[in-house]
């Protein structure tokens, strides 16, 4: 039975969603040991969903008219049924993080760099899932995507702190 972290259900799910989003985006976060242990199973389920469905892509050919009015065949890649369902489930369990505009970056450069609608989900399916799928094939094991380091007690409230990171 999962721990309740001394919070109501809404507060607990908000904490887990926020920390899962931060962990997937940055690769490691520092938190309390109890939260890290709860977060481990939450994040590993999301990564497993992505690993199992990241290569479900449907390729279709579409006829499009170019500027001169000629018909041109183009290949369109769309998510398959399983990948789309997994993507929606992951989007429901994480917050949508956006990239931050640099201080000296122009608005047009920022828009060109951040044209992706859901960068966290794209990062999960395009970077994290292929890496762990390859690891799964090489080692012959699934899971074990996170690692927890215990740091000791926090000053002030003496809570046990830990760093959780993606392996």
Foldseek 3Di string as FASTA:
>chain_A
DQDDVPDDPVVLLVVLQAVLLVCLVPFKDKDFPSSLVNNQVVNQVLLVLLLVQLPQKDKDWDWDADPVRDTDIDIDIDHDPSNVVSLVVNPVSHPQDFDDDDPPDDPVVRCVVGVDDRVSSCCSSPPVNVVQNVVCVVVVDGDPQKDKDWDFADPPPGGTMIMMGGD
